[in-house]
Amino acid sequence: MQEIRITTEYVTLGQFLKLSDIISSGGQAKPFLAEVPILVNGEVDQRRGRKLRDGDIIDVEDYGQFIIKNEGN
């Protein structure tokens, strides 16, 4: 499981995709989410504005599993 470190209270699913180097630009988030199944804490979610917080686990098909870690924790 890869850790994605953030310094804010939350990061959106679209921002997460960029931080994890799954996509290279924010404009790719919507089509990516439409095509690739993503689980957030075990539930399918395709909302690019979904807020991800410390401890959330994200499974991206063909890319692996990630966990959000807040730098302050």
PDB file of N, CA and C in Angstrom:
ATOM      1  N   MET A   1       0.847  -1.179   0.000  1.00  0.00           N
ATOM      2  CA  MET A   1       0.000   0.000   0.000  1.00  0.00           C
ATOM      3  C   MET A   1       0.887   1.235   0.000  1.00  0.00           C
ATOM      4  N   GLN A   2       0.596   2.146  -0.908  1.00  0.00           N
ATOM      5  CA  GLN A   2       1.381   3.377  -1.012  1.00  0.00           C
ATOM      6  C   GLN A   2       0.729   4.482  -0.176  1.00  0.00           C
ATOM      7  N   GLU A   3       1.541   5.273   0.486  1.00  0.00           N
ATOM      8  CA  GLU A   3       1.035   6.399   1.265  1.00  0.00           C
ATOM      9  C   GLU A   3       1.052   7.665   0.411  1.00  0.00           C
ATOM     10  N   ILE A   4      -0.044   8.405   0.481  1.00  0.00           N
ATOM     11  CA  ILE A   4      -0.121   9.721  -0.154  1.00  0.00           C
ATOM     12  C   ILE A   4      -0.207  10.717   0.989  1.00  0.00           C
ATOM     13  N   ARG A   5       0.813  11.527   1.139  1.00  0.00           N
ATOM     14  CA  ARG A   5       0.887  12.471   2.252  1.00  0.00           C
ATOM     15  C   ARG A   5       0.279  13.820   1.855  1.00  0.00           C
ATOM     16  N   ILE A   6      -0.546  14.353   2.753  1.00  0.00           N
ATOM     17  CA  ILE A   6      -1.167  15.654   2.533  1.00  0.00           C
ATOM     18  C   ILE A   6      -0.867  16.544   3.736  1.00  0.00           C
ATOM     19  N   THR A   7      -0.955  17.851   3.527  1.00  0.00           N
ATOM     20  CA  THR A   7      -0.711  18.795   4.614  1.00  0.00           C
ATOM     21  C   THR A   7      -1.971  19.583   4.963  1.00  0.00           C
ATOM     22  N   THR A   8      -3.070  19.288   4.272  1.00  0.00           N
ATOM     23  CA  THR A   8      -4.344  19.955   4.508  1.00  0.00           C
ATOM     24  C   THR A   8      -5.311  18.972   5.161  1.00  0.00           C
ATOM     25  N   GLU A   9      -6.471  19.454   5.564  1.00  0.00           N
ATOM     26  CA  GLU A   9      -7.469  18.598   6.217  1.00  0.00           C
ATOM     27  C   GLU A   9      -7.925  17.468   5.289  1.00  0.00           C
ATOM     28  N   TYR A  10      -8.078  17.792   4.009  1.00  0.00           N
ATOM     29  CA  TYR A  10      -8.531  16.790   3.039  1.00  0.00           C
ATOM     30  C   TYR A  10      -7.971  17.107   1.660  1.00  0.00           C
ATOM     31  N   VAL A  11      -8.111  16.142   0.763  1.00  0.00           N
ATOM     32  CA  VAL A  11      -7.757  16.308  -0.637  1.00  0.00           C
ATOM     33  C   VAL A  11      -8.900  15.683  -1.429  1.00  0.00           C
ATOM     34  N   THR A  12      -9.258  16.250  -2.579  1.00  0.00           N
ATOM     35  CA  THR A  12     -10.341  15.671  -3.359  1.00  0.00           C
ATOM     36  C   THR A  12      -9.837  14.464  -4.145  1.00  0.00           C
ATOM     37  N   LEU A  13     -10.759  13.647  -4.580  1.00  0.00           N
ATOM     38  CA  LEU A  13     -10.390  12.465  -5.350  1.00  0.00           C
ATOM     39  C   LEU A  13      -9.645  12.856  -6.625  1.00  0.00           C
ATOM     40  N   GLY A  14     -10.068  13.934  -7.260  1.00  0.00           N
ATOM     41  CA  GLY A  14      -9.363  14.418  -8.455  1.00  0.00           C
ATOM     42  C   GLY A  14      -7.936  14.838  -8.144  1.00  0.00           C
ATOM     43  N   GLN A  15      -7.737  15.545  -7.025  1.00  0.00           N
ATOM     44  CA  GLN A  15      -6.393  15.950  -6.622  1.00  0.00           C
ATOM     45  C   GLN A  15      -5.546  14.739  -6.254  1.00  0.00           C
ATOM     46  N   PHE A  16      -6.174  13.757  -5.600  1.00  0.00           N
ATOM     47  CA  PHE A  16      -5.475  12.531  -5.237  1.00  0.00           C
ATOM     48  C   PHE A  16      -4.905  11.841  -6.477  1.00  0.00           C
ATOM     49  N   LEU A  17      -5.690  11.791  -7.547  1.00  0.00           N
ATOM     50  CA  LEU A  17      -5.225  11.125  -8.770  1.00  0.00           C
ATOM     51  C   LEU A  17      -3.962  11.787  -9.310  1.00  0.00           C
ATOM     52  N   LYS A  18      -3.876  13.113  -9.181  1.00  0.00           N
ATOM     53  CA  LYS A  18      -2.657  13.825  -9.602  1.00  0.00           C
ATOM     54  C   LYS A  18      -1.507  13.574  -8.624  1.00  0.00           C
ATOM     55  N   LEU A  19      -1.776  13.660  -7.329  1.00  0.00           N
ATOM     56  CA  LEU A  19      -0.733  13.459  -6.312  1.00  0.00           C
ATOM     57  C   LEU A  19      -0.108  12.076  -6.403  1.00  0.00           C
ATOM     58  N   SER A  20      -0.905  11.097  -6.781  1.00  0.00           N
ATOM     59  CA  SER A  20      -0.417   9.722  -6.857  1.00  0.00           C
ATOM     60  C   SER A  20       0.182   9.395  -8.222  1.00  0.00           C
ATOM     61  N   ASP A  21       0.258  10.396  -9.102  1.00  0.00           N
ATOM     62  CA  ASP A  21       0.817  10.238 -10.453  1.00  0.00           C
ATOM     63  C   ASP A  21       0.044   9.250 -11.321  1.00  0.00           C
ATOM     64  N   ILE A  22      -1.236   9.073 -11.027  1.00  0.00           N
ATOM     65  CA  ILE A  22      -2.075   8.213 -11.866  1.00  0.00           C
ATOM     66  C   ILE A  22      -2.488   8.975 -13.123  1.00  0.00           C
ATOM     67  N   ILE A  23      -2.765  10.264 -12.967  1.00  0.00           N
ATOM     68  CA  ILE A  23      -3.038  11.131 -14.119  1.00  0.00           C
ATOM     69  C   ILE A  23      -2.051  12.287 -14.068  1.00  0.00           C
ATOM     70  N   SER A  24      -1.861  12.938 -15.211  1.00  0.00           N
ATOM     71  CA  SER A  24      -0.874  14.023 -15.246  1.00  0.00           C
ATOM     72  C   SER A  24      -1.498  15.415 -15.158  1.00  0.00           C
ATOM     73  N   SER A  25      -2.816  15.528 -15.393  1.00  0.00           N
ATOM     74  CA  SER A  25      -3.457  16.834 -15.279  1.00  0.00           C
ATOM     75  C   SER A  25      -4.862  16.676 -14.719  1.00  0.00           C
ATOM     76  N   GLY A  26      -5.354  17.728 -14.098  1.00  0.00           N
ATOM     77  CA  GLY A  26      -6.684  17.689 -13.505  1.00  0.00           C
ATOM     78  C   GLY A  26      -7.786  17.443 -14.511  1.00  0.00           C
ATOM     79  N   GLY A  27      -7.570  17.860 -15.743  1.00  0.00           N
ATOM     80  CA  GLY A  27      -8.560  17.660 -16.797  1.00  0.00           C
ATOM     81  C   GLY A  27      -8.786  16.193 -17.146  1.00  0.00           C
ATOM     82  N   GLN A  28      -7.868  15.349 -16.762  1.00  0.00           N
ATOM     83  CA  GLN A  28      -8.003  13.920 -17.047  1.00  0.00           C
ATOM     84  C   GLN A  28      -8.840  13.194 -15.995  1.00  0.00           C
ATOM     85  N   ALA A  29      -9.150  13.855 -14.891  1.00  0.00           N
ATOM     86  CA  ALA A  29      -9.835  13.196 -13.773  1.00  0.00           C
ATOM     87  C   ALA A  29     -11.219  12.681 -14.164  1.00  0.00           C
ATOM     88  N   LYS A  30     -12.039  13.518 -14.777  1.00  0.00           N
ATOM     89  CA  LYS A  30     -13.414  13.114 -15.085  1.00  0.00           C
ATOM     90  C   LYS A  30     -13.462  11.906 -16.020  1.00  0.00           C
ATOM     91  N   PRO A  31     -12.743  11.923 -17.160  1.00  0.00           N
ATOM     92  CA  PRO A  31     -12.787  10.725 -18.018  1.00  0.00           C
ATOM     93  C   PRO A  31     -12.168   9.497 -17.349  1.00  0.00           C
ATOM     94  N   PHE A  32     -11.126   9.688 -16.546  1.00  0.00           N
ATOM     95  CA  PHE A  32     -10.500   8.569 -15.852  1.00  0.00           C
ATOM     96  C   PHE A  32     -11.495   7.920 -14.895  1.00  0.00           C
ATOM     97  N   LEU A  33     -12.187   8.746 -14.115  1.00  0.00           N
ATOM     98  CA  LEU A  33     -13.154   8.233 -13.148  1.00  0.00           C
ATOM     99  C   LEU A  33     -14.328   7.532 -13.831  1.00  0.00           C
ATOM    100  N   ALA A  34     -14.663   7.945 -15.052  1.00  0.00           N
ATOM    101  CA  ALA A  34     -15.752   7.315 -15.788  1.00  0.00           C
ATOM    102  C   ALA A  34     -15.364   5.923 -16.287  1.00  0.00           C
ATOM    103  N   GLU A  35     -14.069   5.693 -16.474  1.00  0.00           N
ATOM    104  CA  GLU A  35     -13.605   4.438 -17.065  1.00  0.00           C
ATOM    105  C   GLU A  35     -13.017   3.446 -16.068  1.00  0.00           C
ATOM    106  N   VAL A  36     -12.401   3.918 -15.011  1.00  0.00           N
ATOM    107  CA  VAL A  36     -11.663   3.044 -14.092  1.00  0.00           C
ATOM    108  C   VAL A  36     -12.386   2.948 -12.746  1.00  0.00           C
ATOM    109  N   PRO A  37     -12.711   1.723 -12.319  1.00  0.00           N
ATOM    110  CA  PRO A  37     -13.364   1.569 -11.011  1.00  0.00           C
ATOM    111  C   PRO A  37     -12.433   1.985  -9.865  1.00  0.00           C
ATOM    112  N   ILE A  38     -12.977   2.791  -8.948  1.00  0.00           N
ATOM    113  CA  ILE A  38     -12.227   3.236  -7.772  1.00  0.00           C
ATOM    114  C   ILE A  38     -13.063   2.970  -6.535  1.00  0.00           C
ATOM    115  N   LEU A  39     -12.427   2.362  -5.539  1.00  0.00           N
ATOM    116  CA  LEU A  39     -13.090   2.122  -4.259  1.00  0.00           C
ATOM    117  C   LEU A  39     -12.476   3.047  -3.217  1.00  0.00           C
ATOM    118  N   VAL A  40     -13.341   3.737  -2.480  1.00  0.00           N
ATOM    119  CA  VAL A  40     -12.897   4.568  -1.363  1.00  0.00           C
ATOM    120  C   VAL A  40     -13.467   3.923  -0.105  1.00  0.00           C
ATOM    121  N   ASN A  41     -12.576   3.429   0.734  1.00  0.00           N
ATOM    122  CA  ASN A  41     -12.987   2.713   1.954  1.00  0.00           C
ATOM    123  C   ASN A  41     -13.970   1.585   1.641  1.00  0.00           C
ATOM    124  N   GLY A  42     -13.717   0.884   0.519  1.00  0.00           N
ATOM    125  CA  GLY A  42     -14.520  -0.281   0.150  1.00  0.00           C
ATOM    126  C   GLY A  42     -15.770  -0.001  -0.643  1.00  0.00           C
ATOM    127  N   GLU A  43     -16.070   1.274  -0.908  1.00  0.00           N
ATOM    128  CA  GLU A  43     -17.273   1.635  -1.663  1.00  0.00           C
ATOM    129  C   GLU A  43     -16.888   2.310  -2.968  1.00  0.00           C
ATOM    130  N   VAL A  44     -17.587   1.933  -4.049  1.00  0.00           N
ATOM    131  CA  VAL A  44     -17.320   2.535  -5.355  1.00  0.00           C
ATOM    132  C   VAL A  44     -17.650   4.023  -5.291  1.00  0.00           C
ATOM    133  N   ASP A  45     -16.753   4.843  -5.818  1.00  0.00           N
ATOM    134  CA  ASP A  45     -16.989   6.291  -5.853  1.00  0.00           C
ATOM    135  C   ASP A  45     -16.353   6.874  -7.098  1.00  0.00           C
ATOM    136  N   GLN A  46     -17.106   7.680  -7.830  1.00  0.00           N
ATOM    137  CA  GLN A  46     -16.601   8.297  -9.059  1.00  0.00           C
ATOM    138  C   GLN A  46     -16.673   9.816  -9.002  1.00  0.00           C
ATOM    139  N   ARG A  47     -16.903  10.377  -7.829  1.00  0.00           N
ATOM    140  CA  ARG A  47     -17.020  11.835  -7.701  1.00  0.00           C
ATOM    141  C   ARG A  47     -15.631  12.437  -7.534  1.00  0.00           C
ATOM    142  N   ARG A  48     -15.227  13.243  -8.484  1.00  0.00           N
ATOM    143  CA  ARG A  48     -13.877  13.818  -8.389  1.00  0.00           C
ATOM    144  C   ARG A  48     -13.751  14.797  -7.240  1.00  0.00           C
ATOM    145  N   GLY A  49     -14.864  15.294  -6.725  1.00  0.00           N
ATOM    146  CA  GLY A  49     -14.856  16.208  -5.593  1.00  0.00           C
ATOM    147  C   GLY A  49     -14.944  15.510  -4.245  1.00  0.00           C
ATOM    148  N   ARG A  50     -14.984  14.188  -4.240  1.00  0.00           N
ATOM    149  CA  ARG A  50     -15.057  13.416  -2.989  1.00  0.00           C
ATOM    150  C   ARG A  50     -13.875  13.793  -2.097  1.00  0.00           C
ATOM    151  N   LYS A  51     -14.157  14.151  -0.855  1.00  0.00           N
ATOM    152  CA  LYS A  51     -13.100  14.561   0.065  1.00  0.00           C
ATOM    153  C   LYS A  51     -12.463  13.333   0.703  1.00  0.00           C
ATOM    154  N   LEU A  52     -11.155  13.240   0.586  1.00  0.00           N
ATOM    155  CA  LEU A  52     -10.392  12.151   1.180  1.00  0.00           C
ATOM    156  C   LEU A  52      -9.626  12.712   2.369  1.00  0.00           C
ATOM    157  N   ARG A  53      -9.751  12.026   3.493  1.00  0.00           N
ATOM    158  CA  ARG A  53      -9.109  12.492   4.727  1.00  0.00           C
ATOM    159  C   ARG A  53      -8.119  11.458   5.244  1.00  0.00           C
ATOM    160  N   ASP A  54      -7.377  11.846   6.268  1.00  0.00           N
ATOM    161  CA  ASP A  54      -6.384  10.988   6.892  1.00  0.00           C
ATOM    162  C   ASP A  54      -6.977   9.609   7.201  1.00  0.00           C
ATOM    163  N   GLY A  55      -6.306   8.564   6.730  1.00  0.00           N
ATOM    164  CA  GLY A  55      -6.735   7.199   6.998  1.00  0.00           C
ATOM    165  C   GLY A  55      -7.608   6.578   5.931  1.00  0.00           C
ATOM    166  N   ASP A  56      -8.117   7.377   4.995  1.00  0.00           N
ATOM    167  CA  ASP A  56      -8.940   6.823   3.919  1.00  0.00           C
ATOM    168  C   ASP A  56      -8.097   5.916   3.032  1.00  0.00           C
ATOM    169  N   ILE A  57      -8.704   4.809   2.608  1.00  0.00           N
ATOM    170  CA  ILE A  57      -8.020   3.846   1.751  1.00  0.00           C
ATOM    171  C   ILE A  57      -8.689   3.861   0.382  1.00  0.00           C
ATOM    172  N   ILE A  58      -7.869   4.018  -0.646  1.00  0.00           N
ATOM    173  CA  ILE A  58      -8.353   4.114  -2.020  1.00  0.00           C
ATOM    174  C   ILE A  58      -7.765   2.973  -2.829  1.00  0.00           C
ATOM    175  N   ASP A  59      -8.635   2.203  -3.473  1.00  0.00           N
ATOM    176  CA  ASP A  59      -8.221   1.126  -4.373  1.00  0.00           C
ATOM    177  C   ASP A  59      -8.515   1.565  -5.794  1.00  0.00           C
ATOM    178  N   VAL A  60      -7.478   1.618  -6.624  1.00  0.00           N
ATOM    179  CA  VAL A  60      -7.628   2.009  -8.016  1.00  0.00           C
ATOM    180  C   VAL A  60      -7.259   0.796  -8.874  1.00  0.00           C
ATOM    181  N   GLU A  61      -8.235   0.299  -9.625  1.00  0.00           N
ATOM    182  CA  GLU A  61      -8.009  -0.897 -10.436  1.00  0.00           C
ATOM    183  C   GLU A  61      -6.791  -0.709 -11.336  1.00  0.00           C
ATOM    184  N   ASP A  62      -5.918  -1.684 -11.345  1.00  0.00           N
ATOM    185  CA  ASP A  62      -4.680  -1.720 -12.134  1.00  0.00           C
ATOM    186  C   ASP A  62      -3.585  -0.763 -11.633  1.00  0.00           C
ATOM    187  N   TYR A  63      -3.852   0.012 -10.584  1.00  0.00           N
ATOM    188  CA  TYR A  63      -2.844   0.943 -10.060  1.00  0.00           C
ATOM    189  C   TYR A  63      -2.454   0.631  -8.620  1.00  0.00           C
ATOM    190  N   GLY A  64      -3.301  -0.073  -7.891  1.00  0.00           N
ATOM    191  CA  GLY A  64      -2.962  -0.464  -6.537  1.00  0.00           C
ATOM    192  C   GLY A  64      -3.802   0.197  -5.471  1.00  0.00           C
ATOM    193  N   GLN A  65      -3.321   0.051  -4.245  1.00  0.00           N
ATOM    194  CA  GLN A  65      -4.026   0.549  -3.075  1.00  0.00           C
ATOM    195  C   GLN A  65      -3.209   1.672  -2.432  1.00  0.00           C
ATOM    196  N   PHE A  66      -3.914   2.703  -2.010  1.00  0.00           N
ATOM    197  CA  PHE A  66      -3.283   3.890  -1.442  1.00  0.00           C
ATOM    198  C   PHE A  66      -3.966   4.238  -0.125  1.00  0.00           C
ATOM    199  N   ILE A  67      -3.219   4.892   0.762  1.00  0.00           N
ATOM    200  CA  ILE A  67      -3.797   5.402   2.009  1.00  0.00           C
ATOM    201  C   ILE A  67      -3.401   6.865   2.150  1.00  0.00           C
ATOM    202  N   ILE A  68      -4.355   7.672   2.599  1.00  0.00           N
ATOM    203  CA  ILE A  68      -4.111   9.095   2.805  1.00  0.00           C
ATOM    204  C   ILE A  68      -3.521   9.279   4.198  1.00  0.00           C
ATOM    205  N   LYS A  69      -2.416   9.991   4.286  1.00  0.00           N
ATOM    206  CA  LYS A  69      -1.779  10.287   5.569  1.00  0.00           C
ATOM    207  C   LYS A  69      -1.582  11.790   5.677  1.00  0.00           C
ATOM    208  N   ASN A  70      -2.104  12.360   6.756  1.00  0.00           N
ATOM    209  CA  ASN A  70      -1.913  13.784   7.007  1.00  0.00           C
ATOM    210  C   ASN A  70      -0.558  13.983   7.653  1.00  0.00           C
ATOM    211  N   GLU A  71       0.236  14.902   7.135  1.00  0.00           N
ATOM    212  CA  GLU A  71       1.588  15.156   7.655  1.00  0.00           C
ATOM    213  C   GLU A  71       1.585  15.520   9.132  1.00  0.00           C
ATOM    214  N   GLY A  72       0.481  16.083   9.625  1.00  0.00           N
ATOM    215  CA  GLY A  72       0.401  16.481  11.023  1.00  0.00           C
ATOM    216  C   GLY A  72       0.127  15.321  11.960  1.00  0.00           C
ATOM    217  N   ASN A  73      -0.233  14.153  11.405  1.00  0.00           N
ATOM    218  CA  ASN A  73      -0.572  12.983  12.237  1.00  0.00           C
ATOM    219  C   ASN A  73       0.518  11.950  12.244  1.00  0.00           C
TER     220      ASN A  73
END
